[in-house]
PDB file of N, CA and C in Angstrom:
ATOM      1  N   MET A   1       0.855  -1.183   0.070  1.00  0.00           N
ATOM      2  CA  MET A   1      -0.095  -0.086  -0.095  1.00  0.00           C
ATOM      3  C   MET A   1       1.013   1.160   0.236  1.00  0.00           C
ATOM      4  N   SER A   2       0.556   2.266  -0.885  1.00  0.00           N
ATOM      5  CA  SER A   2       1.425   3.432  -0.938  1.00  0.00           C
ATOM      6  C   SER A   2       1.150   4.216   0.271  1.00  0.00           C
ATOM      7  N   PHE A   3       2.059   5.219   0.242  1.00  0.00           N
ATOM      8  CA  PHE A   3       1.870   6.312   1.482  1.00  0.00           C
ATOM      9  C   PHE A   3       0.705   6.998   1.438  1.00  0.00           C
ATOM     10  N   ARG A   4       0.109   7.417   0.216  1.00  0.00           N
ATOM     11  CA  ARG A   4      -0.948   8.134   0.005  1.00  0.00           C
ATOM     12  C   ARG A   4      -2.191   7.287   0.320  1.00  0.00           C
ATOM     13  N   ALA A   5      -2.451   6.159  -0.018  1.00  0.00           N
ATOM     14  CA  ALA A   5      -3.450   5.263   0.203  1.00  0.00           C
ATOM     15  C   ALA A   5      -3.416   4.922   1.803  1.00  0.00           C
ATOM     16  N   THR A   6      -2.223   4.823   2.361  1.00  0.00           N
ATOM     17  CA  THR A   6      -2.040   4.666   3.940  1.00  0.00           C
ATOM     18  C   THR A   6      -2.814   5.962   4.727  1.00  0.00           C
ATOM     19  N   PHE A   7      -2.311   7.133   4.156  1.00  0.00           N
ATOM     20  CA  PHE A   7      -2.830   8.407   4.795  1.00  0.00           C
ATOM     21  C   PHE A   7      -4.169   8.542   4.655  1.00  0.00           C
ATOM     22  N   LEU A   8      -4.838   8.375   3.470  1.00  0.00           N
ATOM     23  CA  LEU A   8      -6.229   8.393   3.246  1.00  0.00           C
ATOM     24  C   LEU A   8      -6.962   7.398   4.004  1.00  0.00           C
ATOM     25  N   HIS A   9      -6.336   6.238   4.396  1.00  0.00           N
ATOM     26  CA  HIS A   9      -6.990   5.320   5.275  1.00  0.00           C
ATOM     27  C   HIS A   9      -7.099   5.648   6.551  1.00  0.00           C
ATOM     28  N   VAL A  10      -5.957   6.202   7.175  1.00  0.00           N
ATOM     29  CA  VAL A  10      -5.957   6.758   8.506  1.00  0.00           C
ATOM     30  C   VAL A  10      -6.795   7.901   8.741  1.00  0.00           C
ATOM     31  N   ILE A  11      -6.805   8.855   7.780  1.00  0.00           N
ATOM     32  CA  ILE A  11      -7.804  10.164   7.922  1.00  0.00           C
ATOM     33  C   ILE A  11      -9.296   9.550   7.806  1.00  0.00           C
ATOM     34  N   ASP A  12      -9.694   8.577   7.033  1.00  0.00           N
ATOM     35  CA  ASP A  12     -11.012   8.051   6.855  1.00  0.00           C
ATOM     36  C   ASP A  12     -11.326   7.278   8.192  1.00  0.00           C
ATOM     37  N   TYR A  13     -10.446   6.626   8.647  1.00  0.00           N
ATOM     38  CA  TYR A  13     -10.542   5.876  10.069  1.00  0.00           C
ATOM     39  C   TYR A  13     -10.691   6.932  11.204  1.00  0.00           C
ATOM     40  N   PHE A  14      -9.955   7.848  11.145  1.00  0.00           N
ATOM     41  CA  PHE A  14      -9.936   9.001  12.081  1.00  0.00           C
ATOM     42  C   PHE A  14     -11.359   9.710  12.244  1.00  0.00           C
ATOM     43  N   SER A  15     -12.034   9.935  10.958  1.00  0.00           N
ATOM     44  CA  SER A  15     -13.175  10.624  10.968  1.00  0.00           C
ATOM     45  C   SER A  15     -14.439   9.834  11.253  1.00  0.00           C
ATOM     46  N   SER A  16     -14.306   8.414  10.881  1.00  0.00           N
ATOM     47  CA  SER A  16     -15.510   7.557  10.903  1.00  0.00           C
ATOM     48  C   SER A  16     -15.946   7.460  12.338  1.00  0.00           C
ATOM     49  N   LYS A  17     -15.099   7.513  13.299  1.00  0.00           N
ATOM     50  CA  LYS A  17     -15.419   7.299  14.730  1.00  0.00           C
ATOM     51  C   LYS A  17     -15.843   8.553  15.581  1.00  0.00           C
ATOM     52  N   LEU A  18     -16.182   9.694  14.715  1.00  0.00           N
ATOM     53  CA  LEU A  18     -16.504  10.964  15.414  1.00  0.00           C
ATOM     54  C   LEU A  18     -17.864  11.212  14.879  1.00  0.00           C
ATOM     55  N   ARG A  19     -18.640  11.951  15.652  1.00  0.00           N
ATOM     56  CA  ARG A  19     -19.967  12.521  15.232  1.00  0.00           C
ATOM     57  C   ARG A  19     -19.624  14.020  14.545  1.00  0.00           C
ATOM     58  N   ASP A  20     -20.337  14.108  13.577  1.00  0.00           N
ATOM     59  CA  ASP A  20     -20.472  15.253  13.028  1.00  0.00           C
ATOM     60  C   ASP A  20     -18.996  15.931  12.341  1.00  0.00           C
ATOM     61  N   VAL A  21     -18.255  14.788  11.940  1.00  0.00           N
ATOM     62  CA  VAL A  21     -17.026  15.002  11.291  1.00  0.00           C
ATOM     63  C   VAL A  21     -16.801  14.384  10.001  1.00  0.00           C
ATOM     64  N   ALA A  22     -16.390  15.002   8.969  1.00  0.00           N
ATOM     65  CA  ALA A  22     -16.113  14.397   7.739  1.00  0.00           C
ATOM     66  C   ALA A  22     -14.621  14.776   7.374  1.00  0.00           C
ATOM     67  N   SER A  23     -14.098  13.906   6.541  1.00  0.00           N
ATOM     68  CA  SER A  23     -12.829  14.328   5.840  1.00  0.00           C
ATOM     69  C   SER A  23     -12.783  13.952   4.282  1.00  0.00           C
ATOM     70  N   TYR A  24     -11.932  14.760   3.697  1.00  0.00           N
ATOM     71  CA  TYR A  24     -11.717  14.816   2.340  1.00  0.00           C
ATOM     72  C   TYR A  24     -10.200  14.819   2.174  1.00  0.00           C
ATOM     73  N   PHE A  25      -9.538  14.026   1.777  1.00  0.00           N
ATOM     74  CA  PHE A  25      -7.985  13.940   1.511  1.00  0.00           C
ATOM     75  C   PHE A  25      -7.489  14.335   2.983  1.00  0.00           C
ATOM     76  N   ASP A  26      -6.894  15.523   3.028  1.00  0.00           N
ATOM     77  CA  ASP A  26      -6.181  15.858   4.290  1.00  0.00           C
ATOM     78  C   ASP A  26      -7.007  17.047   5.125  1.00  0.00           C
ATOM     79  N   ASP A  27      -8.143  17.261   4.730  1.00  0.00           N
ATOM     80  CA  ASP A  27      -9.016  18.213   5.274  1.00  0.00           C
ATOM     81  C   ASP A  27     -10.102  17.363   6.318  1.00  0.00           C
ATOM     82  N   ILE A  28     -10.113  18.075   7.316  1.00  0.00           N
ATOM     83  CA  ILE A  28     -11.067  17.510   8.184  1.00  0.00           C
ATOM     84  C   ILE A  28     -12.229  18.550   8.651  1.00  0.00           C
ATOM     85  N   ILE A  29     -13.479  18.343   8.298  1.00  0.00           N
ATOM     86  CA  ILE A  29     -14.535  19.274   8.657  1.00  0.00           C
ATOM     87  C   ILE A  29     -15.376  18.897   9.708  1.00  0.00           C
ATOM     88  N   ILE A  30     -15.591  19.755  10.690  1.00  0.00           N
ATOM     89  CA  ILE A  30     -16.500  19.321  11.813  1.00  0.00           C
ATOM     90  C   ILE A  30     -17.801  20.327  11.640  1.00  0.00           C
ATOM     91  N   TYR A  31     -18.879  19.844  11.483  1.00  0.00           N
ATOM     92  CA  TYR A  31     -20.023  20.503  11.273  1.00  0.00           C
ATOM     93  C   TYR A  31     -21.027  20.164  12.352  1.00  0.00           C
ATOM     94  N   SER A  32     -21.573  21.244  13.035  1.00  0.00           N
ATOM     95  CA  SER A  32     -22.602  21.069  14.153  1.00  0.00           C
ATOM     96  C   SER A  32     -23.685  21.994  14.132  1.00  0.00           C
ATOM     97  N   ASP A  33     -24.813  21.598  14.701  1.00  0.00           N
ATOM     98  CA  ASP A  33     -25.788  22.514  14.586  1.00  0.00           C
ATOM     99  C   ASP A  33     -25.859  23.537  15.616  1.00  0.00           C
ATOM    100  N   THR A  34     -25.074  23.419  16.762  1.00  0.00           N
ATOM    101  CA  THR A  34     -25.079  24.624  17.885  1.00  0.00           C
ATOM    102  C   THR A  34     -23.660  24.877  18.143  1.00  0.00           C
ATOM    103  N   TRP A  35     -23.266  26.050  18.763  1.00  0.00           N
ATOM    104  CA  TRP A  35     -21.895  26.356  19.018  1.00  0.00           C
ATOM    105  C   TRP A  35     -21.388  25.309  20.024  1.00  0.00           C
ATOM    106  N   ASP A  36     -22.051  24.996  21.199  1.00  0.00           N
ATOM    107  CA  ASP A  36     -21.801  24.040  22.299  1.00  0.00           C
ATOM    108  C   ASP A  36     -21.449  22.714  21.631  1.00  0.00           C
ATOM    109  N   ASP A  37     -22.293  22.261  20.762  1.00  0.00           N
ATOM    110  CA  ASP A  37     -22.073  20.853  20.010  1.00  0.00           C
ATOM    111  C   ASP A  37     -20.681  20.898  19.193  1.00  0.00           C
ATOM    112  N   GLY A  38     -20.519  22.084  18.440  1.00  0.00           N
ATOM    113  CA  GLY A  38     -19.200  22.279  17.847  1.00  0.00           C
ATOM    114  C   GLY A  38     -18.001  22.144  18.728  1.00  0.00           C
ATOM    115  N   LEU A  39     -18.021  22.781  19.777  1.00  0.00           N
ATOM    116  CA  LEU A  39     -16.985  22.956  20.716  1.00  0.00           C
ATOM    117  C   LEU A  39     -16.691  21.436  21.221  1.00  0.00           C
ATOM    118  N   GLN A  40     -17.814  20.713  21.618  1.00  0.00           N
ATOM    119  CA  GLN A  40     -17.651  19.447  21.939  1.00  0.00           C
ATOM    120  C   GLN A  40     -16.995  18.458  20.909  1.00  0.00           C
ATOM    121  N   ASP A  41     -17.508  18.695  19.641  1.00  0.00           N
ATOM    122  CA  ASP A  41     -16.973  17.864  18.545  1.00  0.00           C
ATOM    123  C   ASP A  41     -15.440  18.376  18.336  1.00  0.00           C
ATOM    124  N   LEU A  42     -14.998  19.584  18.477  1.00  0.00           N
ATOM    125  CA  LEU A  42     -13.676  19.980  18.213  1.00  0.00           C
ATOM    126  C   LEU A  42     -12.846  19.278  19.282  1.00  0.00           C
ATOM    127  N   GLN A  43     -13.265  19.346  20.537  1.00  0.00           N
ATOM    128  CA  GLN A  43     -12.620  18.692  21.581  1.00  0.00           C
ATOM    129  C   GLN A  43     -12.237  17.192  21.212  1.00  0.00           C
ATOM    130  N   ALA A  44     -13.470  16.359  20.784  1.00  0.00           N
ATOM    131  CA  ALA A  44     -13.290  14.947  20.465  1.00  0.00           C
ATOM    132  C   ALA A  44     -12.260  14.789  19.516  1.00  0.00           C
ATOM    133  N   ALA A  45     -12.576  15.608  18.388  1.00  0.00           N
ATOM    134  CA  ALA A  45     -11.548  15.468  17.244  1.00  0.00           C
ATOM    135  C   ALA A  45     -10.064  15.872  17.781  1.00  0.00           C
ATOM    136  N   ILE A  46      -9.758  16.746  18.549  1.00  0.00           N
ATOM    137  CA  ILE A  46      -8.323  17.100  19.083  1.00  0.00           C
ATOM    138  C   ILE A  46      -7.892  15.913  19.837  1.00  0.00           C
ATOM    139  N   LYS A  47      -8.640  15.417  20.624  1.00  0.00           N
ATOM    140  CA  LYS A  47      -8.441  14.219  21.535  1.00  0.00           C
ATOM    141  C   LYS A  47      -7.914  13.106  20.765  1.00  0.00           C
ATOM    142  N   ARG A  48      -8.791  12.903  19.586  1.00  0.00           N
ATOM    143  CA  ARG A  48      -8.474  11.735  18.791  1.00  0.00           C
ATOM    144  C   ARG A  48      -7.200  11.943  17.996  1.00  0.00           C
ATOM    145  N   LEU A  49      -7.020  13.068  17.633  1.00  0.00           N
ATOM    146  CA  LEU A  49      -5.721  13.440  16.970  1.00  0.00           C
ATOM    147  C   LEU A  49      -4.539  12.985  17.757  1.00  0.00           C
ATOM    148  N   ARG A  50      -4.636  13.460  18.878  1.00  0.00           N
ATOM    149  CA  ARG A  50      -3.617  13.290  19.871  1.00  0.00           C
ATOM    150  C   ARG A  50      -3.296  11.783  20.233  1.00  0.00           C
ATOM    151  N   VAL A  51      -4.364  10.989  20.550  1.00  0.00           N
ATOM    152  CA  VAL A  51      -4.386   9.663  20.803  1.00  0.00           C
ATOM    153  C   VAL A  51      -3.592   8.945  19.574  1.00  0.00           C
ATOM    154  N   ASN A  52      -3.888   9.341  18.455  1.00  0.00           N
ATOM    155  CA  ASN A  52      -3.332   8.807  17.179  1.00  0.00           C
ATOM    156  C   ASN A  52      -1.980   9.302  16.732  1.00  0.00           C
ATOM    157  N   HIS A  53      -1.572  10.206  17.562  1.00  0.00           N
ATOM    158  CA  HIS A  53      -0.110  10.744  17.102  1.00  0.00           C
ATOM    159  C   HIS A  53      -0.140  11.494  15.926  1.00  0.00           C
ATOM    160  N   LEU A  54      -1.479  12.280  15.688  1.00  0.00           N
ATOM    161  CA  LEU A  54      -1.525  13.151  14.390  1.00  0.00           C
ATOM    162  C   LEU A  54      -1.423  14.555  14.872  1.00  0.00           C
ATOM    163  N   ILE A  55      -1.059  15.380  13.766  1.00  0.00           N
ATOM    164  CA  ILE A  55      -0.873  16.637  14.326  1.00  0.00           C
ATOM    165  C   ILE A  55      -1.663  17.577  13.107  1.00  0.00           C
ATOM    166  N   GLY A  56      -2.443  18.437  13.787  1.00  0.00           N
ATOM    167  CA  GLY A  56      -3.250  19.424  12.825  1.00  0.00           C
ATOM    168  C   GLY A  56      -2.526  20.700  12.903  1.00  0.00           C
ATOM    169  N   LYS A  57      -2.527  21.514  11.894  1.00  0.00           N
ATOM    170  CA  LYS A  57      -1.803  22.860  11.813  1.00  0.00           C
ATOM    171  C   LYS A  57      -2.824  23.844  11.996  1.00  0.00           C
ATOM    172  N   PRO A  58      -2.894  24.547  13.155  1.00  0.00           N
ATOM    173  CA  PRO A  58      -3.795  25.414  13.680  1.00  0.00           C
ATOM    174  C   PRO A  58      -3.851  26.693  12.472  1.00  0.00           C
ATOM    175  N   SER A  59      -2.825  27.020  11.985  1.00  0.00           N
ATOM    176  CA  SER A  59      -2.705  28.116  10.974  1.00  0.00           C
ATOM    177  C   SER A  59      -3.513  27.989   9.627  1.00  0.00           C
ATOM    178  N   LYS A  60      -3.742  26.527   9.477  1.00  0.00           N
ATOM    179  CA  LYS A  60      -4.465  26.199   8.185  1.00  0.00           C
ATOM    180  C   LYS A  60      -6.039  25.982   8.312  1.00  0.00           C
ATOM    181  N   GLY A  61      -6.380  26.229   9.850  1.00  0.00           N
ATOM    182  CA  GLY A  61      -7.764  25.876  10.121  1.00  0.00           C
ATOM    183  C   GLY A  61      -8.677  27.111  10.379  1.00  0.00           C
ATOM    184  N   ASP A  62      -9.984  27.067  10.276  1.00  0.00           N
ATOM    185  CA  ASP A  62     -10.865  27.917  10.747  1.00  0.00           C
ATOM    186  C   ASP A  62     -11.737  27.401  11.732  1.00  0.00           C
ATOM    187  N   ILE A  63     -12.250  28.243  12.529  1.00  0.00           N
ATOM    188  CA  ILE A  63     -13.179  27.883  13.663  1.00  0.00           C
ATOM    189  C   ILE A  63     -14.305  28.915  13.759  1.00  0.00           C
ATOM    190  N   GLY A  64     -15.507  28.319  13.898  1.00  0.00           N
ATOM    191  CA  GLY A  64     -16.786  29.217  14.096  1.00  0.00           C
ATOM    192  C   GLY A  64     -17.303  29.934  12.645  1.00  0.00           C
ATOM    193  N   LYS A  65     -16.915  29.222  11.614  1.00  0.00           N
ATOM    194  CA  LYS A  65     -17.570  29.812  10.332  1.00  0.00           C
ATOM    195  C   LYS A  65     -19.039  29.377  10.075  1.00  0.00           C
ATOM    196  N   ASP A  66     -19.746  30.208   9.475  1.00  0.00           N
ATOM    197  CA  ASP A  66     -21.077  29.821   9.100  1.00  0.00           C
ATOM    198  C   ASP A  66     -21.086  29.034   7.922  1.00  0.00           C
ATOM    199  N   THR A  67     -20.145  29.202   6.915  1.00  0.00           N
ATOM    200  CA  THR A  67     -19.970  28.502   5.823  1.00  0.00           C
ATOM    201  C   THR A  67     -18.561  28.335   5.475  1.00  0.00           C
ATOM    202  N   ILE A  68     -18.190  27.325   4.736  1.00  0.00           N
ATOM    203  CA  ILE A  68     -17.057  26.991   4.148  1.00  0.00           C
ATOM    204  C   ILE A  68     -17.070  26.844   2.640  1.00  0.00           C
ATOM    205  N   VAL A  69     -15.841  26.985   1.819  1.00  0.00           N
ATOM    206  CA  VAL A  69     -15.768  26.580   0.602  1.00  0.00           C
ATOM    207  C   VAL A  69     -14.993  25.327   0.542  1.00  0.00           C
ATOM    208  N   CYS A  70     -15.592  24.321  -0.155  1.00  0.00           N
ATOM    209  CA  CYS A  70     -14.923  23.016  -0.196  1.00  0.00           C
ATOM    210  C   CYS A  70     -15.108  22.485  -1.591  1.00  0.00           C
ATOM    211  N   LEU A  71     -14.236  22.282  -2.346  1.00  0.00           N
ATOM    212  CA  LEU A  71     -14.356  21.610  -3.679  1.00  0.00           C
ATOM    213  C   LEU A  71     -15.330  22.233  -4.609  1.00  0.00           C
ATOM    214  N   CYS A  72     -15.343  23.535  -4.684  1.00  0.00           N
ATOM    215  CA  CYS A  72     -16.183  24.547  -5.493  1.00  0.00           C
ATOM    216  C   CYS A  72     -17.698  24.379  -4.925  1.00  0.00           C
ATOM    217  N   HIS A  73     -17.890  24.132  -3.727  1.00  0.00           N
ATOM    218  CA  HIS A  73     -19.103  24.146  -3.165  1.00  0.00           C
ATOM    219  C   HIS A  73     -19.023  24.999  -1.824  1.00  0.00           C
ATOM    220  N   ILE A  74     -20.214  25.779  -1.727  1.00  0.00           N
ATOM    221  CA  ILE A  74     -20.179  26.474  -0.289  1.00  0.00           C
ATOM    222  C   ILE A  74     -21.070  25.427   0.688  1.00  0.00           C
ATOM    223  N   VAL A  75     -20.497  25.258   1.738  1.00  0.00           N
ATOM    224  CA  VAL A  75     -21.414  24.341   2.783  1.00  0.00           C
ATOM    225  C   VAL A  75     -21.536  25.003   4.094  1.00  0.00           C
ATOM    226  N   GLY A  76     -22.885  24.895   4.471  1.00  0.00           N
ATOM    227  CA  GLY A  76     -23.215  25.353   5.751  1.00  0.00           C
ATOM    228  C   GLY A  76     -24.701  25.884   5.902  1.00  0.00           C
ATOM    229  N   GLY A  77     -25.044  26.022   7.063  1.00  0.00           N
ATOM    230  CA  GLY A  77     -26.496  26.353   7.358  1.00  0.00           C
ATOM    231  C   GLY A  77     -27.512  25.086   6.816  1.00  0.00           C
ATOM    232  N   GLY A  78     -26.748  23.894   6.809  1.00  0.00           N
ATOM    233  CA  GLY A  78     -27.636  22.767   6.490  1.00  0.00           C
ATOM    234  C   GLY A  78     -27.739  22.791   4.879  1.00  0.00           C
ATOM    235  N   GLN A  79     -27.008  23.339   4.142  1.00  0.00           N
ATOM    236  CA  GLN A  79     -27.006  23.371   2.580  1.00  0.00           C
ATOM    237  C   GLN A  79     -25.668  23.120   2.009  1.00  0.00           C
ATOM    238  N   ILE A  80     -25.723  22.572   0.789  1.00  0.00           N
ATOM    239  CA  ILE A  80     -24.620  22.598   0.004  1.00  0.00           C
ATOM    240  C   ILE A  80     -24.836  23.408  -1.386  1.00  0.00           C
ATOM    241  N   LYS A  81     -24.283  24.344  -1.654  1.00  0.00           N
ATOM    242  CA  LYS A  81     -24.442  25.207  -2.973  1.00  0.00           C
ATOM    243  C   LYS A  81     -23.106  25.248  -3.802  1.00  0.00           C
ATOM    244  N   SER A  82     -23.519  25.249  -5.080  1.00  0.00           N
ATOM    245  CA  SER A  82     -22.307  25.454  -6.022  1.00  0.00           C
ATOM    246  C   SER A  82     -21.672  26.718  -5.739  1.00  0.00           C
ATOM    247  N   ASP A  83     -20.277  26.797  -5.777  1.00  0.00           N
ATOM    248  CA  ASP A  83     -19.555  28.178  -5.677  1.00  0.00           C
ATOM    249  C   ASP A  83     -19.396  28.602  -7.242  1.00  0.00           C
ATOM    250  N   ASP A  84     -20.270  29.457  -7.724  1.00  0.00           N
ATOM    251  CA  ASP A  84     -20.422  29.612  -9.066  1.00  0.00           C
ATOM    252  C   ASP A  84     -19.036  30.354  -9.591  1.00  0.00           C
ATOM    253  N   ALA A  85     -18.460  31.106  -8.995  1.00  0.00           N
ATOM    254  CA  ALA A  85     -17.163  31.816  -9.368  1.00  0.00           C
ATOM    255  C   ALA A  85     -16.282  30.593  -9.622  1.00  0.00           C
ATOM    256  N   LYS A  86     -16.057  29.746  -8.610  1.00  0.00           N
ATOM    257  CA  LYS A  86     -14.884  28.824  -8.789  1.00  0.00           C
ATOM    258  C   LYS A  86     -15.254  27.897  -9.883  1.00  0.00           C
ATOM    259  N   ALA A  87     -16.645  27.546  -9.815  1.00  0.00           N
ATOM    260  CA  ALA A  87     -17.095  26.412 -10.984  1.00  0.00           C
ATOM    261  C   ALA A  87     -16.835  27.152 -12.393  1.00  0.00           C
ATOM    262  N   HIS A  88     -17.086  28.575 -12.415  1.00  0.00           N
ATOM    263  CA  HIS A  88     -16.965  29.169 -13.746  1.00  0.00           C
ATOM    264  C   HIS A  88     -15.411  29.159 -14.129  1.00  0.00           C
ATOM    265  N   ALA A  89     -14.546  29.493 -13.366  1.00  0.00           N
ATOM    266  CA  ALA A  89     -13.277  29.542 -13.511  1.00  0.00           C
ATOM    267  C   ALA A  89     -12.715  27.988 -13.881  1.00  0.00           C
ATOM    268  N   MET A  90     -13.131  27.085 -13.325  1.00  0.00           N
ATOM    269  CA  MET A  90     -12.802  25.839 -13.717  1.00  0.00           C
ATOM    270  C   MET A  90     -13.164  25.463 -15.040  1.00  0.00           C
ATOM    271  N   GLY A  91     -14.386  25.858 -15.339  1.00  0.00           N
ATOM    272  CA  GLY A  91     -14.990  25.620 -16.820  1.00  0.00           C
ATOM    273  C   GLY A  91     -14.097  26.195 -17.779  1.00  0.00           C
ATOM    274  N   ARG A  92     -13.471  27.346 -17.411  1.00  0.00           N
ATOM    275  CA  ARG A  92     -12.647  28.165 -18.420  1.00  0.00           C
ATOM    276  C   ARG A  92     -11.286  27.526 -18.728  1.00  0.00           C
ATOM    277  N   LEU A  93     -10.938  26.358 -17.721  1.00  0.00           N
ATOM    278  CA  LEU A  93      -9.591  25.720 -18.030  1.00  0.00           C
ATOM    279  C   LEU A  93      -9.533  25.010 -19.387  1.00  0.00           C
ATOM    280  N   SER A  94      -8.583  24.913 -19.910  1.00  0.00           N
ATOM    281  CA  SER A  94      -8.366  24.086 -21.204  1.00  0.00           C
ATOM    282  C   SER A  94      -8.085  22.610 -20.644  1.00  0.00           C
ATOM    283  N   THR A  95      -8.493  21.630 -21.750  1.00  0.00           N
ATOM    284  CA  THR A  95      -8.382  20.302 -21.541  1.00  0.00           C
ATOM    285  C   THR A  95      -6.866  19.956 -21.750  1.00  0.00           C
ATOM    286  N   PRO A  96      -6.312  19.408 -20.676  1.00  0.00           N
ATOM    287  CA  PRO A  96      -4.813  19.078 -20.710  1.00  0.00           C
ATOM    288  C   PRO A  96      -4.524  17.805 -21.623  1.00  0.00           C
ATOM    289  N   TYR A  97      -3.547  18.077 -22.554  1.00  0.00           N
ATOM    290  CA  TYR A  97      -3.109  17.129 -23.672  1.00  0.00           C
ATOM    291  C   TYR A  97      -1.579  16.626 -23.338  1.00  0.00           C
ATOM    292  N   ASN A  98      -1.495  15.398 -23.779  1.00  0.00           N
ATOM    293  CA  ASN A  98      -0.105  14.891 -23.892  1.00  0.00           C
ATOM    294  C   ASN A  98       0.425  15.636 -25.214  1.00  0.00           C
ATOM    295  N   ASN A  99       1.423  16.254 -25.034  1.00  0.00           N
ATOM    296  CA  ASN A  99       1.996  16.855 -26.385  1.00  0.00           C
ATOM    297  C   ASN A  99       2.533  15.863 -27.379  1.00  0.00           C
ATOM    298  N   GLU A 100       3.281  14.685 -26.940  1.00  0.00           N
ATOM    299  CA  GLU A 100       3.678  13.785 -27.805  1.00  0.00           C
ATOM    300  C   GLU A 100       2.816  12.881 -28.523  1.00  0.00           C
ATOM    301  N   SER A 101       1.718  12.588 -27.723  1.00  0.00           N
ATOM    302  CA  SER A 101       0.572  11.459 -28.503  1.00  0.00           C
ATOM    303  C   SER A 101      -0.553  12.318 -28.972  1.00  0.00           C
ATOM    304  N   GLY A 102      -0.704  13.353 -28.514  1.00  0.00           N
ATOM    305  CA  GLY A 102      -1.952  14.349 -28.784  1.00  0.00           C
ATOM    306  C   GLY A 102      -3.147  13.807 -27.961  1.00  0.00           C
ATOM    307  N   SER A 103      -3.012  12.971 -26.908  1.00  0.00           N
ATOM    308  CA  SER A 103      -4.063  12.400 -26.264  1.00  0.00           C
ATOM    309  C   SER A 103      -4.483  13.228 -25.125  1.00  0.00           C
ATOM    310  N   ILE A 104      -5.698  12.964 -24.682  1.00  0.00           N
ATOM    311  CA  ILE A 104      -6.168  13.724 -23.462  1.00  0.00           C
ATOM    312  C   ILE A 104      -5.613  13.075 -22.162  1.00  0.00           C
ATOM    313  N   LEU A 105      -5.064  13.682 -21.446  1.00  0.00           N
ATOM    314  CA  LEU A 105      -4.485  13.279 -20.062  1.00  0.00           C
ATOM    315  C   LEU A 105      -5.536  12.913 -19.206  1.00  0.00           C
ATOM    316  N   SER A 106      -5.530  11.936 -18.522  1.00  0.00           N
ATOM    317  CA  SER A 106      -6.493  11.465 -17.533  1.00  0.00           C
ATOM    318  C   SER A 106      -5.737  10.445 -16.511  1.00  0.00           C
ATOM    319  N   GLY A 107      -6.548  10.246 -15.599  1.00  0.00           N
ATOM    320  CA  GLY A 107      -5.882   9.244 -14.462  1.00  0.00           C
ATOM    321  C   GLY A 107      -6.346   9.416 -13.050  1.00  0.00           C
ATOM    322  N   ASN A 108      -5.855   8.806 -12.105  1.00  0.00           N
ATOM    323  CA  ASN A 108      -6.213   9.077 -10.785  1.00  0.00           C
ATOM    324  C   ASN A 108      -5.623  10.037  -9.968  1.00  0.00           C
ATOM    325  N   GLY A 109      -4.572  10.832 -10.558  1.00  0.00           N
ATOM    326  CA  GLY A 109      -3.866  11.794  -9.762  1.00  0.00           C
ATOM    327  C   GLY A 109      -2.753  10.992  -8.931  1.00  0.00           C
ATOM    328  N   GLY A 110      -2.499   9.854  -9.273  1.00  0.00           N
ATOM    329  CA  GLY A 110      -1.321   9.048  -8.607  1.00  0.00           C
ATOM    330  C   GLY A 110      -1.762   8.468  -7.368  1.00  0.00           C
ATOM    331  N   LEU A 111      -3.090   8.175  -7.128  1.00  0.00           N
ATOM    332  CA  LEU A 111      -3.595   7.812  -5.843  1.00  0.00           C
ATOM    333  C   LEU A 111      -3.749   6.230  -5.748  1.00  0.00           C
ATOM    334  N   SER A 112      -3.167   5.526  -6.804  1.00  0.00           N
ATOM    335  CA  SER A 112      -3.377   4.054  -6.813  1.00  0.00           C
ATOM    336  C   SER A 112      -1.891   3.451  -6.154  1.00  0.00           C
TER     337      SER A 112
END
């Protein structure tokens, strides 16, 4: 198993045992209905990080946001909406081609 696959497995395992916690690659999202629930969920996540010898980087995190942008979506308030500005920008990207063969590049981003 590659490092990437192992890391993704660890993050999935980490979030699967917590209430109101989701993960995507190296992002951990804690979503709660109330501020008090959010604080309890955050404490549980931090404790689980410590128990599993994992480190979160506080400078890369946000706490107490009503909405967040994740993968061209705006998430919050019980809703998931498309982030039209980011989706539009992605739609303007050109299709990547392999200059040698002229074929369209595709793949799994090296996650196999």
